[in-house]
Amino acid sequence: TDASTIVLACTELPLAARHLTAAGGPELLDPTDLL
């Protein structure tokens, strides 16, 4: 898509994101960091 940033809008997803293998692509933003 045209998204430059992806918001991980579920608090389980950052735990899954530790195991991503994709390199590059959109930035992932974790709202729990911000909270």
mmCIF file of all heavy atoms, coordinates in Angstrom:
data_MODEL
# 
_entry.id   MODEL 
# 
loop_
_atom_site.group_PDB 
_atom_site.id 
_atom_site.type_symbol 
_atom_site.label_atom_id 
_atom_site.label_alt_id 
_atom_site.label_comp_id 
_atom_site.label_asym_id 
_atom_site.label_entity_id 
_atom_site.label_seq_id 
_atom_site.pdbx_PDB_ins_code 
_atom_site.Cartn_x 
_atom_site.Cartn_y 
_atom_site.Cartn_z 
_atom_site.occupancy 
_atom_site.B_iso_or_equiv 
_atom_site.pdbx_formal_charge 
_atom_site.auth_seq_id 
_atom_site.auth_comp_id 
_atom_site.auth_asym_id 
_atom_site.auth_atom_id 
_atom_site.pdbx_PDB_model_num 
ATOM 1   N N   . THR A 1 1  ? 0.853  -1.191  0.000  1.00 0.00 ? 1  THR A N   1 
ATOM 2   C CA  . THR A 1 1  ? 0.000  0.000   0.000  1.00 0.00 ? 1  THR A CA  1 
ATOM 3   C C   . THR A 1 1  ? 0.886  1.237   0.000  1.00 0.00 ? 1  THR A C   1 
ATOM 4   O O   . THR A 1 1  ? 2.100  1.144   -0.091 1.00 0.00 ? 1  THR A O   1 
ATOM 5   C CB  . THR A 1 1  ? -0.912 0.006   1.236  1.00 0.00 ? 1  THR A CB  1 
ATOM 6   O OG1 . THR A 1 1  ? -0.122 0.282   2.402  1.00 0.00 ? 1  THR A OG1 1 
ATOM 7   C CG2 . THR A 1 1  ? -1.623 -1.339  1.406  1.00 0.00 ? 1  THR A CG2 1 
ATOM 8   N N   . ASP A 1 2  ? 0.280  2.406   0.115  1.00 0.00 ? 2  ASP A N   1 
ATOM 9   C CA  . ASP A 1 2  ? 1.053  3.652   0.155  1.00 0.00 ? 2  ASP A CA  1 
ATOM 10  C C   . ASP A 1 2  ? 1.487  4.025   1.572  1.00 0.00 ? 2  ASP A C   1 
ATOM 11  O O   . ASP A 1 2  ? 2.019  5.120   1.785  1.00 0.00 ? 2  ASP A O   1 
ATOM 12  C CB  . ASP A 1 2  ? 0.220  4.798   -0.428 1.00 0.00 ? 2  ASP A CB  1 
ATOM 13  C CG  . ASP A 1 2  ? -0.016 4.625   -1.929 1.00 0.00 ? 2  ASP A CG  1 
ATOM 14  O OD1 . ASP A 1 2  ? 0.844  4.001   -2.588 1.00 0.00 ? 2  ASP A OD1 1 
ATOM 15  O OD2 . ASP A 1 2  ? -1.051 5.098   -2.422 1.00 0.00 ? 2  ASP A OD2 1 
ATOM 16  N N   . ALA A 1 3  ? 1.280  3.139   2.537  1.00 0.00 ? 3  ALA A N   1 
ATOM 17  C CA  . ALA A 1 3  ? 1.600  3.465   3.924  1.00 0.00 ? 3  ALA A CA  1 
ATOM 18  C C   . ALA A 1 3  ? 3.112  3.520   4.135  1.00 0.00 ? 3  ALA A C   1 
ATOM 19  O O   . ALA A 1 3  ? 3.833  2.591   3.778  1.00 0.00 ? 3  ALA A O   1 
ATOM 20  C CB  . ALA A 1 3  ? 0.982  2.429   4.860  1.00 0.00 ? 3  ALA A CB  1 
ATOM 21  N N   . SER A 1 4  ? 3.572  4.611   4.702  1.00 0.00 ? 4  SER A N   1 
ATOM 22  C CA  . SER A 1 4  ? 4.991  4.737   5.056  1.00 0.00 ? 4  SER A CA  1 
ATOM 23  C C   . SER A 1 4  ? 5.251  4.309   6.493  1.00 0.00 ? 4  SER A C   1 
ATOM 24  O O   . SER A 1 4  ? 6.380  4.030   6.876  1.00 0.00 ? 4  SER A O   1 
ATOM 25  C CB  . SER A 1 4  ? 5.458  6.181   4.867  1.00 0.00 ? 4  SER A CB  1 
ATOM 26  O OG  . SER A 1 4  ? 4.692  7.062   5.671  1.00 0.00 ? 4  SER A OG  1 
ATOM 27  N N   . THR A 1 5  ? 4.193  4.280   7.301  1.00 0.00 ? 5  THR A N   1 
ATOM 28  C CA  . THR A 1 5  ? 4.270  3.849   8.700  1.00 0.00 ? 5  THR A CA  1 
ATOM 29  C C   . THR A 1 5  ? 3.103  2.920   8.980  1.00 0.00 ? 5  THR A C   1 
ATOM 30  O O   . THR A 1 5  ? 1.977  3.179   8.549  1.00 0.00 ? 5  THR A O   1 
ATOM 31  C CB  . THR A 1 5  ? 4.193  5.056   9.655  1.00 0.00 ? 5  THR A CB  1 
ATOM 32  O OG1 . THR A 1 5  ? 5.266  5.950   9.384  1.00 0.00 ? 5  THR A OG1 1 
ATOM 33  C CG2 . THR A 1 5  ? 4.269  4.610   11.127 1.00 0.00 ? 5  THR A CG2 1 
ATOM 34  N N   . ILE A 1 6  ? 3.372  1.839   9.695  1.00 0.00 ? 6  ILE A N   1 
ATOM 35  C CA  . ILE A 1 6  ? 2.325  0.918   10.116 1.00 0.00 ? 6  ILE A CA  1 
ATOM 36  C C   . ILE A 1 6  ? 2.213  0.992   11.633 1.00 0.00 ? 6  ILE A C   1 
ATOM 37  O O   . ILE A 1 6  ? 3.195  0.770   12.351 1.00 0.00 ? 6  ILE A O   1 
ATOM 38  C CB  . ILE A 1 6  ? 2.619  -0.531  9.681  1.00 0.00 ? 6  ILE A CB  1 
ATOM 39  C CG1 . ILE A 1 6  ? 2.615  -0.635  8.156  1.00 0.00 ? 6  ILE A CG1 1 
ATOM 40  C CG2 . ILE A 1 6  ? 1.600  -1.494  10.285 1.00 0.00 ? 6  ILE A CG2 1 
ATOM 41  C CD1 . ILE A 1 6  ? 3.014  -2.010  7.637  1.00 0.00 ? 6  ILE A CD1 1 
ATOM 42  N N   . VAL A 1 7  ? 1.023  1.293   12.111 1.00 0.00 ? 7  VAL A N   1 
ATOM 43  C CA  . VAL A 1 7  ? 0.765  1.333   13.549 1.00 0.00 ? 7  VAL A CA  1 
ATOM 44  C C   . VAL A 1 7  ? 0.363  -0.064  14.001 1.00 0.00 ? 7  VAL A C   1 
ATOM 45  O O   . VAL A 1 7  ? -0.583 -0.657  13.468 1.00 0.00 ? 7  VAL A O   1 
ATOM 46  C CB  . VAL A 1 7  ? -0.352 2.344   13.878 1.00 0.00 ? 7  VAL A CB  1 
ATOM 47  C CG1 . VAL A 1 7  ? -0.684 2.292   15.376 1.00 0.00 ? 7  VAL A CG1 1 
ATOM 48  C CG2 . VAL A 1 7  ? 0.060  3.748   13.475 1.00 0.00 ? 7  VAL A CG2 1 
ATOM 49  N N   . LEU A 1 8  ? 1.086  -0.593  14.977 1.00 0.00 ? 8  LEU A N   1 
ATOM 50  C CA  . LEU A 1 8  ? 0.753  -1.897  15.551 1.00 0.00 ? 8  LEU A CA  1 
ATOM 51  C C   . LEU A 1 8  ? -0.336 -1.677  16.605 1.00 0.00 ? 8  LEU A C   1 
ATOM 52  O O   . LEU A 1 8  ? -0.063 -1.538  17.799 1.00 0.00 ? 8  LEU A O   1 
ATOM 53  C CB  . LEU A 1 8  ? 1.998  -2.540  16.158 1.00 0.00 ? 8  LEU A CB  1 
ATOM 54  C CG  . LEU A 1 8  ? 3.139  -2.815  15.163 1.00 0.00 ? 8  LEU A CG  1 
ATOM 55  C CD1 . LEU A 1 8  ? 4.348  -3.411  15.883 1.00 0.00 ? 8  LEU A CD1 1 
ATOM 56  C CD2 . LEU A 1 8  ? 2.683  -3.739  14.027 1.00 0.00 ? 8  LEU A CD2 1 
ATOM 57  N N   . ALA A 1 9  ? -1.574 -1.626  16.136 1.00 0.00 ? 9  ALA A N   1 
ATOM 58  C CA  . ALA A 1 9  ? -2.704 -1.206  16.967 1.00 0.00 ? 9  ALA A CA  1 
ATOM 59  C C   . ALA A 1 9  ? -3.347 -2.378  17.700 1.00 0.00 ? 9  ALA A C   1 
ATOM 60  O O   . ALA A 1 9  ? -4.572 -2.487  17.806 1.00 0.00 ? 9  ALA A O   1 
ATOM 61  C CB  . ALA A 1 9  ? -3.738 -0.477  16.110 1.00 0.00 ? 9  ALA A CB  1 
ATOM 62  N N   . CYS A 1 10 ? -2.507 -3.268  18.207 1.00 0.00 ? 10 CYS A N   1 
ATOM 63  C CA  . CYS A 1 10 ? -2.918 -4.323  19.123 1.00 0.00 ? 10 CYS A CA  1 
ATOM 64  C C   . CYS A 1 10 ? -1.705 -4.609  19.989 1.00 0.00 ? 10 CYS A C   1 
ATOM 65  O O   . CYS A 1 10 ? -0.585 -4.748  19.471 1.00 0.00 ? 10 CYS A O   1 
ATOM 66  C CB  . CYS A 1 10 ? -3.361 -5.583  18.386 1.00 0.00 ? 10 CYS A CB  1 
ATOM 67  S SG  . CYS A 1 10 ? -3.681 -6.976  19.504 1.00 0.00 ? 10 CYS A SG  1 
ATOM 68  N N   . THR A 1 11 ? -1.885 -4.703  21.299 1.00 0.00 ? 11 THR A N   1 
ATOM 69  C CA  . THR A 1 11 ? -0.731 -4.805  22.179 1.00 0.00 ? 11 THR A CA  1 
ATOM 70  C C   . THR A 1 11 ? -0.040 -6.160  22.112 1.00 0.00 ? 11 THR A C   1 
ATOM 71  O O   . THR A 1 11 ? 1.068  -6.313  22.637 1.00 0.00 ? 11 THR A O   1 
ATOM 72  C CB  . THR A 1 11 ? -1.124 -4.494  23.641 1.00 0.00 ? 11 THR A CB  1 
ATOM 73  O OG1 . THR A 1 11 ? -2.300 -5.241  23.993 1.00 0.00 ? 11 THR A OG1 1 
ATOM 74  C CG2 . THR A 1 11 ? -1.392 -3.018  23.815 1.00 0.00 ? 11 THR A CG2 1 
ATOM 75  N N   . GLU A 1 12 ? -0.649 -7.153  21.466 1.00 0.00 ? 12 GLU A N   1 
ATOM 76  C CA  . GLU A 1 12 ? 0.051  -8.417  21.228 1.00 0.00 ? 12 GLU A CA  1 
ATOM 77  C C   . GLU A 1 12 ? 1.017  -8.330  20.051 1.00 0.00 ? 12 GLU A C   1 
ATOM 78  O O   . GLU A 1 12 ? 2.002  -9.084  19.991 1.00 0.00 ? 12 GLU A O   1 
ATOM 79  C CB  . GLU A 1 12 ? -0.945 -9.551  20.972 1.00 0.00 ? 12 GLU A CB  1 
ATOM 80  C CG  . GLU A 1 12 ? -1.487 -10.235 22.204 1.00 0.00 ? 12 GLU A CG  1 
ATOM 81  C CD  . GLU A 1 12 ? -2.493 -9.385  22.962 1.00 0.00 ? 12 GLU A CD  1 
ATOM 82  O OE1 . GLU A 1 12 ? -3.285 -8.669  22.327 1.00 0.00 ? 12 GLU A OE1 1 
ATOM 83  O OE2 . GLU A 1 12 ? -2.493 -9.433  24.209 1.00 0.00 ? 12 GLU A OE2 1 
ATOM 84  N N   . LEU A 1 13 ? 0.772  -7.437  19.105 1.00 0.00 ? 13 LEU A N   1 
ATOM 85  C CA  . LEU A 1 13 ? 1.573  -7.412  17.886 1.00 0.00 ? 13 LEU A CA  1 
ATOM 86  C C   . LEU A 1 13 ? 3.035  -7.033  18.107 1.00 0.00 ? 13 LEU A C   1 
ATOM 87  O O   . LEU A 1 13 ? 3.912  -7.589  17.435 1.00 0.00 ? 13 LEU A O   1 
ATOM 88  C CB  . LEU A 1 13 ? 0.916  -6.496  16.848 1.00 0.00 ? 13 LEU A CB  1 
ATOM 89  C CG  . LEU A 1 13 ? -0.426 -6.999  16.305 1.00 0.00 ? 13 LEU A CG  1 
ATOM 90  C CD1 . LEU A 1 13 ? -0.976 -6.026  15.260 1.00 0.00 ? 13 LEU A CD1 1 
ATOM 91  C CD2 . LEU A 1 13 ? -0.301 -8.398  15.715 1.00 0.00 ? 13 LEU A CD2 1 
ATOM 92  N N   . PRO A 1 14 ? 3.380  -6.112  19.030 1.00 0.00 ? 14 PRO A N   1 
ATOM 93  C CA  . PRO A 1 14 ? 4.803  -5.862  19.258 1.00 0.00 ? 14 PRO A CA  1 
ATOM 94  C C   . PRO A 1 14 ? 5.560  -7.097  19.745 1.00 0.00 ? 14 PRO A C   1 
ATOM 95  O O   . PRO A 1 14 ? 6.749  -7.257  19.464 1.00 0.00 ? 14 PRO A O   1 
ATOM 96  C CB  . PRO A 1 14 ? 4.796  -4.757  20.318 1.00 0.00 ? 14 PRO A CB  1 
ATOM 97  C CG  . PRO A 1 14 ? 3.512  -4.038  20.094 1.00 0.00 ? 14 PRO A CG  1 
ATOM 98  C CD  . PRO A 1 14 ? 2.534  -5.114  19.723 1.00 0.00 ? 14 PRO A CD  1 
ATOM 99  N N   . LEU A 1 15 ? 4.879  -7.987  20.460 1.00 0.00 ? 15 LEU A N   1 
ATOM 100 C CA  . LEU A 1 15 ? 5.522  -9.226  20.895 1.00 0.00 ? 15 LEU A CA  1 
ATOM 101 C C   . LEU A 1 15 ? 5.804  -10.132 19.700 1.00 0.00 ? 15 LEU A C   1 
ATOM 102 O O   . LEU A 1 15 ? 6.832  -10.818 19.648 1.00 0.00 ? 15 LEU A O   1 
ATOM 103 C CB  . LEU A 1 15 ? 4.634  -9.938  21.919 1.00 0.00 ? 15 LEU A CB  1 
ATOM 104 C CG  . LEU A 1 15 ? 4.475  -9.203  23.251 1.00 0.00 ? 15 LEU A CG  1 
ATOM 105 C CD1 . LEU A 1 15 ? 3.324  -9.778  24.050 1.00 0.00 ? 15 LEU A CD1 1 
ATOM 106 C CD2 . LEU A 1 15 ? 5.742  -9.258  24.056 1.00 0.00 ? 15 LEU A CD2 1 
ATOM 107 N N   . ALA A 1 16 ? 4.895  -10.122 18.730 1.00 0.00 ? 16 ALA A N   1 
ATOM 108 C CA  . ALA A 1 16 ? 5.125  -10.887 17.504 1.00 0.00 ? 16 ALA A CA  1 
ATOM 109 C C   . ALA A 1 16 ? 6.187  -10.231 16.637 1.00 0.00 ? 16 ALA A C   1 
ATOM 110 O O   . ALA A 1 16 ? 6.955  -10.917 15.951 1.00 0.00 ? 16 ALA A O   1 
ATOM 111 C CB  . ALA A 1 16 ? 3.815  -11.009 16.723 1.00 0.00 ? 16 ALA A CB  1 
ATOM 112 N N   . ALA A 1 17 ? 6.261  -8.900  16.675 1.00 0.00 ? 17 ALA A N   1 
ATOM 113 C CA  . ALA A 1 17 ? 7.162  -8.161  15.790 1.00 0.00 ? 17 ALA A CA  1 
ATOM 114 C C   . ALA A 1 17 ? 8.628  -8.450  16.077 1.00 0.00 ? 17 ALA A C   1 
ATOM 115 O O   . ALA A 1 17 ? 9.478  -8.229  15.217 1.00 0.00 ? 17 ALA A O   1 
ATOM 116 C CB  . ALA A 1 17 ? 6.889  -6.663  15.895 1.00 0.00 ? 17 ALA A CB  1 
ATOM 117 N N   . ARG A 1 18 ? 8.934  -8.947  17.257 1.00 0.00 ? 18 ARG A N   1 
ATOM 118 C CA  . ARG A 1 18 ? 10.314 -9.316  17.565 1.00 0.00 ? 18 ARG A CA  1 
ATOM 119 C C   . ARG A 1 18 ? 10.820 -10.445 16.666 1.00 0.00 ? 18 ARG A C   1 
ATOM 120 O O   . ARG A 1 18 ? 12.022 -10.659 16.555 1.00 0.00 ? 18 ARG A O   1 
ATOM 121 C CB  . ARG A 1 18 ? 10.417 -9.764  19.018 1.00 0.00 ? 18 ARG A CB  1 
ATOM 122 C CG  . ARG A 1 18 ? 10.143 -8.685  20.033 1.00 0.00 ? 18 ARG A CG  1 
ATOM 123 C CD  . ARG A 1 18 ? 10.165 -9.271  21.420 1.00 0.00 ? 18 ARG A CD  1 
ATOM 124 N NE  . ARG A 1 18 ? 9.923  -8.244  22.421 1.00 0.00 ? 18 ARG A NE  1 
ATOM 125 C CZ  . ARG A 1 18 ? 9.742  -8.506  23.717 1.00 0.00 ? 18 ARG A CZ  1 
ATOM 126 N NH1 . ARG A 1 18 ? 9.782  -9.758  24.142 1.00 0.00 ? 18 ARG A NH1 1 
ATOM 127 N NH2 . ARG A 1 18 ? 9.527  -7.522  24.572 1.00 0.00 ? 18 ARG A NH2 1 
ATOM 128 N N   . HIS A 1 19 ? 9.892  -11.158 16.062 1.00 0.00 ? 19 HIS A N   1 
ATOM 129 C CA  . HIS A 1 19 ? 10.257 -12.337 15.279 1.00 0.00 ? 19 HIS A CA  1 
ATOM 130 C C   . HIS A 1 19 ? 10.023 -12.130 13.785 1.00 0.00 ? 19 HIS A C   1 
ATOM 131 O O   . HIS A 1 19 ? 9.949  -13.094 13.028 1.00 0.00 ? 19 HIS A O   1 
ATOM 132 C CB  . HIS A 1 19 ? 9.470  -13.546 15.777 1.00 0.00 ? 19 HIS A CB  1 
ATOM 133 C CG  . HIS A 1 19 ? 9.720  -13.842 17.226 1.00 0.00 ? 19 HIS A CG  1 
ATOM 134 N ND1 . HIS A 1 19 ? 10.850 -14.477 17.682 1.00 0.00 ? 19 HIS A ND1 1 
ATOM 135 C CD2 . HIS A 1 19 ? 8.990  -13.526 18.334 1.00 0.00 ? 19 HIS A CD2 1 
ATOM 136 C CE1 . HIS A 1 19 ? 10.813 -14.582 18.996 1.00 0.00 ? 19 HIS A CE1 1 
ATOM 137 N NE2 . HIS A 1 19 ? 9.691  -14.009 19.422 1.00 0.00 ? 19 HIS A NE2 1 
ATOM 138 N N   . LEU A 1 20 ? 9.905  -10.880 13.366 1.00 0.00 ? 20 LEU A N   1 
ATOM 139 C CA  . LEU A 1 20 ? 9.775  -10.598 11.947 1.00 0.00 ? 20 LEU A CA  1 
ATOM 140 C C   . LEU A 1 20 ? 11.079 -10.892 11.217 1.00 0.00 ? 20 LEU A C   1 
ATOM 141 O O   . LEU A 1 20 ? 12.170 -10.714 11.771 1.00 0.00 ? 20 LEU A O   1 
ATOM 142 C CB  . LEU A 1 20 ? 9.391  -9.132  11.724 1.00 0.00 ? 20 LEU A CB  1 
ATOM 143 C CG  . LEU A 1 20 ? 7.986  -8.698  12.138 1.00 0.00 ? 20 LEU A CG  1 
ATOM 144 C CD1 . LEU A 1 20 ? 7.809  -7.213  11.894 1.00 0.00 ? 20 LEU A CD1 1 
ATOM 145 C CD2 . LEU A 1 20 ? 6.925  -9.487  11.393 1.00 0.00 ? 20 LEU A CD2 1 
ATOM 146 N N   . THR A 1 21 ? 10.941 -11.292 9.970  1.00 0.00 ? 21 THR A N   1 
ATOM 147 C CA  . THR A 1 21 ? 12.122 -11.534 9.141  1.00 0.00 ? 21 THR A CA  1 
ATOM 148 C C   . THR A 1 21 ? 12.227 -10.545 7.997  1.00 0.00 ? 21 THR A C   1 
ATOM 149 O O   . THR A 1 21 ? 13.280 -10.425 7.375  1.00 0.00 ? 21 THR A O   1 
ATOM 150 C CB  . THR A 1 21 ? 12.097 -12.955 8.554  1.00 0.00 ? 21 THR A CB  1 
ATOM 151 O OG1 . THR A 1 21 ? 10.912 -13.109 7.754  1.00 0.00 ? 21 THR A OG1 1 
ATOM 152 C CG2 . THR A 1 21 ? 12.088 -13.995 9.669  1.00 0.00 ? 21 THR A CG2 1 
ATOM 153 N N   . ALA A 1 22 ? 11.140 -9.822  7.701  1.00 0.00 ? 22 ALA A N   1 
ATOM 154 C CA  . ALA A 1 22 ? 11.145 -8.883  6.579  1.00 0.00 ? 22 ALA A CA  1 
ATOM 155 C C   . ALA A 1 22 ? 12.092 -7.731  6.863  1.00 0.00 ? 22 ALA A C   1 
ATOM 156 O O   . ALA A 1 22 ? 12.082 -7.149  7.950  1.00 0.00 ? 22 ALA A O   1 
ATOM 157 C CB  . ALA A 1 22 ? 9.730  -8.349  6.314  1.00 0.00 ? 22 ALA A CB  1 
ATOM 158 N N   . ALA A 1 23 ? 12.914 -7.406  5.886  1.00 0.00 ? 23 ALA A N   1 
ATOM 159 C CA  . ALA A 1 23 ? 13.824 -6.259  5.993  1.00 0.00 ? 23 ALA A CA  1 
ATOM 160 C C   . ALA A 1 23 ? 13.286 -5.113  5.152  1.00 0.00 ? 23 ALA A C   1 
ATOM 161 O O   . ALA A 1 23 ? 12.675 -5.331  4.109  1.00 0.00 ? 23 ALA A O   1 
ATOM 162 C CB  . ALA A 1 23 ? 15.224 -6.638  5.531  1.00 0.00 ? 23 ALA A CB  1 
ATOM 163 N N   . GLY A 1 24 ? 13.548 -3.888  5.605  1.00 0.00 ? 24 GLY A N   1 
ATOM 164 C CA  . GLY A 1 24 ? 13.054 -2.734  4.868  1.00 0.00 ? 24 GLY A CA  1 
ATOM 165 C C   . GLY A 1 24 ? 11.548 -2.600  5.022  1.00 0.00 ? 24 GLY A C   1 
ATOM 166 O O   . GLY A 1 24 ? 10.934 -3.157  5.921  1.00 0.00 ? 24 GLY A O   1 
ATOM 167 N N   . GLY A 1 25 ? 10.947 -1.856  4.113  1.00 0.00 ? 25 GLY A N   1 
ATOM 168 C CA  . GLY A 1 25 ? 9.504  -1.669  4.154  1.00 0.00 ? 25 GLY A CA  1 
ATOM 169 C C   . GLY A 1 25 ? 9.091  -0.562  5.087  1.00 0.00 ? 25 GLY A C   1 
ATOM 170 O O   . GLY A 1 25 ? 9.925  0.208   5.592  1.00 0.00 ? 25 GLY A O   1 
ATOM 171 N N   . PRO A 1 26 ? 7.790  -0.451  5.375  1.00 0.00 ? 26 PRO A N   1 
ATOM 172 C CA  . PRO A 1 26 ? 7.293  0.639   6.212  1.00 0.00 ? 26 PRO A CA  1 
ATOM 173 C C   . PRO A 1 26 ? 7.844  0.568   7.632  1.00 0.00 ? 26 PRO A C   1 
ATOM 174 O O   . PRO A 1 26 ? 8.178  -0.505  8.142  1.00 0.00 ? 26 PRO A O   1 
ATOM 175 C CB  . PRO A 1 26 ? 5.769  0.412   6.204  1.00 0.00 ? 26 PRO A CB  1 
ATOM 176 C CG  . PRO A 1 26 ? 5.505  -0.464  5.033  1.00 0.00 ? 26 PRO A CG  1 
ATOM 177 C CD  . PRO A 1 26 ? 6.719  -1.325  4.870  1.00 0.00 ? 26 PRO A CD  1 
ATOM 178 N N   . GLU A 1 27 ? 7.931  1.716   8.259  1.00 0.00 ? 27 GLU A N   1 
ATOM 179 C CA  . GLU A 1 27 ? 8.298  1.778   9.665  1.00 0.00 ? 27 GLU A CA  1 
ATOM 180 C C   . GLU A 1 27 ? 7.160  1.217   10.504 1.00 0.00 ? 27 GLU A C   1 
ATOM 181 O O   . GLU A 1 27 ? 5.982  1.442   10.211 1.00 0.00 ? 27 GLU A O   1 
ATOM 182 C CB  . GLU A 1 27 ? 8.555  3.236   10.064 1.00 0.00 ? 27 GLU A CB  1 
ATOM 183 C CG  . GLU A 1 27 ? 8.889  3.410   11.526 1.00 0.00 ? 27 GLU A CG  1 
ATOM 184 C CD  . GLU A 1 27 ? 9.007  4.872   11.916 1.00 0.00 ? 27 GLU A CD  1 
ATOM 185 O OE1 . GLU A 1 27 ? 8.316  5.704   11.302 1.00 0.00 ? 27 GLU A OE1 1 
ATOM 186 O OE2 . GLU A 1 27 ? 9.778  5.166   12.836 1.00 0.00 ? 27 GLU A OE2 1 
ATOM 187 N N   . LEU A 1 28 ? 7.495  0.476   11.557 1.00 0.00 ? 28 LEU A N   1 
ATOM 188 C CA  . LEU A 1 28 ? 6.493  -0.039  12.483 1.00 0.00 ? 28 LEU A CA  1 
ATOM 189 C C   . LEU A 1 28 ? 6.484  0.833   13.732 1.00 0.00 ? 28 LEU A C   1 
ATOM 190 O O   . LEU A 1 28 ? 7.533  1.068   14.337 1.00 0.00 ? 28 LEU A O   1 
ATOM 191 C CB  . LEU A 1 28 ? 6.804  -1.489  12.863 1.00 0.00 ? 28 LEU A CB  1 
ATOM 192 C CG  . LEU A 1 28 ? 6.940  -2.482  11.712 1.00 0.00 ? 28 LEU A CG  1 
ATOM 193 C CD1 . LEU A 1 28 ? 7.168  -3.885  12.263 1.00 0.00 ? 28 LEU A CD1 1 
ATOM 194 C CD2 . LEU A 1 28 ? 5.719  -2.444  10.805 1.00 0.00 ? 28 LEU A CD2 1 
ATOM 195 N N   . LEU A 1 29 ? 5.320  1.302   14.106 1.00 0.00 ? 29 LEU A N   1 
ATOM 196 C CA  . LEU A 1 29 ? 5.185  2.171   15.275 1.00 0.00 ? 29 LEU A CA  1 
ATOM 197 C C   . LEU A 1 29 ? 4.413  1.437   16.358 1.00 0.00 ? 29 LEU A C   1 
ATOM 198 O O   . LEU A 1 29 ? 3.296  0.948   16.126 1.00 0.00 ? 29 LEU A O   1 
ATOM 199 C CB  . LEU A 1 29 ? 4.453  3.459   14.895 1.00 0.00 ? 29 LEU A CB  1 
ATOM 200 C CG  . LEU A 1 29 ? 4.261  4.482   16.016 1.00 0.00 ? 29 LEU A CG  1 
ATOM 201 C CD1 . LEU A 1 29 ? 5.610  4.977   16.544 1.00 0.00 ? 29 LEU A CD1 1 
ATOM 202 C CD2 . LEU A 1 29 ? 3.424  5.666   15.536 1.00 0.00 ? 29 LEU A CD2 1 
ATOM 203 N N   . ASP A 1 30 ? 5.009  1.343   17.546 1.00 0.00 ? 30 ASP A N   1 
ATOM 204 C CA  . ASP A 1 30 ? 4.400  0.650   18.673 1.00 0.00 ? 30 ASP A CA  1 
ATOM 205 C C   . ASP A 1 30 ? 3.793  1.672   19.639 1.00 0.00 ? 30 ASP A C   1 
ATOM 206 O O   . ASP A 1 30 ? 4.522  2.367   20.354 1.00 0.00 ? 30 ASP A O   1 
ATOM 207 C CB  . ASP A 1 30 ? 5.475  -0.183  19.387 1.00 0.00 ? 30 ASP A CB  1 
ATOM 208 C CG  . ASP A 1 30 ? 4.927  -0.930  20.594 1.00 0.00 ? 30 ASP A CG  1 
ATOM 209 O OD1 . ASP A 1 30 ? 3.734  -0.777  20.905 1.00 0.00 ? 30 ASP A OD1 1 
ATOM 210 O OD2 . ASP A 1 30 ? 5.714  -1.651  21.226 1.00 0.00 ? 30 ASP A OD2 1 
ATOM 211 N N   . PRO A 1 31 ? 2.474  1.782   19.706 1.00 0.00 ? 31 PRO A N   1 
ATOM 212 C CA  . PRO A 1 31 ? 1.851  2.763   20.598 1.00 0.00 ? 31 PRO A CA  1 
ATOM 213 C C   . PRO A 1 31 ? 2.130  2.536   22.074 1.00 0.00 ? 31 PRO A C   1 
ATOM 214 O O   . PRO A 1 31 ? 2.043  3.478   22.866 1.00 0.00 ? 31 PRO A O   1 
ATOM 215 C CB  . PRO A 1 31 ? 0.356  2.609   20.294 1.00 0.00 ? 31 PRO A CB  1 
ATOM 216 C CG  . PRO A 1 31 ? 0.315  2.128   18.877 1.00 0.00 ? 31 PRO A CG  1 
ATOM 217 C CD  . PRO A 1 31 ? 1.474  1.181   18.787 1.00 0.00 ? 31 PRO A CD  1 
ATOM 218 N N   . THR A 1 32 ? 2.482  1.301   22.474 1.00 0.00 ? 32 THR A N   1 
ATOM 219 C CA  . THR A 1 32 ? 2.770  1.103   23.888 1.00 0.00 ? 32 THR A CA  1 
ATOM 220 C C   . THR A 1 32 ? 4.068  1.792   24.300 1.00 0.00 ? 32 THR A C   1 
ATOM 221 O O   . THR A 1 32 ? 4.216  2.188   25.465 1.00 0.00 ? 32 THR A O   1 
ATOM 222 C CB  . THR A 1 32 ? 2.822  -0.390  24.255 1.00 0.00 ? 32 THR A CB  1 
ATOM 223 O OG1 . THR A 1 32 ? 3.818  -1.047  23.476 1.00 0.00 ? 32 THR A OG1 1 
ATOM 224 C CG2 . THR A 1 32 ? 1.477  -1.046  24.022 1.00 0.00 ? 32 THR A CG2 1 
ATOM 225 N N   . ASP A 1 33 ? 5.007  1.949   23.365 1.00 0.00 ? 33 ASP A N   1 
ATOM 226 C CA  . ASP A 1 33 ? 6.182  2.781   23.655 1.00 0.00 ? 33 ASP A CA  1 
ATOM 227 C C   . ASP A 1 33 ? 5.754  4.208   23.980 1.00 0.00 ? 33 ASP A C   1 
ATOM 228 O O   . ASP A 1 33 ? 6.253  4.835   24.918 1.00 0.00 ? 33 ASP A O   1 
ATOM 229 C CB  . ASP A 1 33 ? 7.135  2.821   22.455 1.00 0.00 ? 33 ASP A CB  1 
ATOM 230 C CG  . ASP A 1 33 ? 7.903  1.528   22.248 1.00 0.00 ? 33 ASP A CG  1 
ATOM 231 O OD1 . ASP A 1 33 ? 7.987  0.712   23.179 1.00 0.00 ? 33 ASP A OD1 1 
ATOM 232 O OD2 . ASP A 1 33 ? 8.423  1.346   21.135 1.00 0.00 ? 33 ASP A OD2 1 
ATOM 233 N N   . LEU A 1 34 ? 4.845  4.719   23.176 1.00 0.00 ? 34 LEU A N   1 
ATOM 234 C CA  . LEU A 1 34 ? 4.388  6.098   23.352 1.00 0.00 ? 34 LEU A CA  1 
ATOM 235 C C   . LEU A 1 34 ? 3.607  6.262   24.644 1.00 0.00 ? 34 LEU A C   1 
ATOM 236 O O   . LEU A 1 34 ? 3.706  7.291   25.325 1.00 0.00 ? 34 LEU A O   1 
ATOM 237 C CB  . LEU A 1 34 ? 3.526  6.520   22.159 1.00 0.00 ? 34 LEU A CB  1 
ATOM 238 C CG  . LEU A 1 34 ? 4.156  6.326   20.777 1.00 0.00 ? 34 LEU A CG  1 
ATOM 239 C CD1 . LEU A 1 34 ? 3.167  6.706   19.682 1.00 0.00 ? 34 LEU A CD1 1 
ATOM 240 C CD2 . LEU A 1 34 ? 5.443  7.135   20.651 1.00 0.00 ? 34 LEU A CD2 1 
ATOM 241 N N   . LEU A 1 35 ? 2.825  5.238   24.996 1.00 0.00 ? 35 LEU A N   1 
ATOM 242 C CA  . LEU A 1 35 ? 2.064  5.302   26.243 1.00 0.00 ? 35 LEU A CA  1 
ATOM 243 C C   . LEU A 1 35 ? 3.005  5.279   27.448 1.00 0.00 ? 35 LEU A C   1 
ATOM 244 O O   . LEU A 1 35 ? 2.804  6.030   28.415 1.00 0.00 ? 35 LEU A O   1 
ATOM 245 C CB  . LEU A 1 35 ? 1.081  4.133   26.307 1.00 0.00 ? 35 LEU A CB  1 
ATOM 246 C CG  . LEU A 1 35 ? 0.113  4.130   27.485 1.00 0.00 ? 35 LEU A CG  1 
ATOM 247 C CD1 . LEU A 1 35 ? -0.778 5.368   27.462 1.00 0.00 ? 35 LEU A CD1 1 
ATOM 248 C CD2 . LEU A 1 35 ? -0.734 2.857   27.482 1.00 0.00 ? 35 LEU A CD2 1 
# 
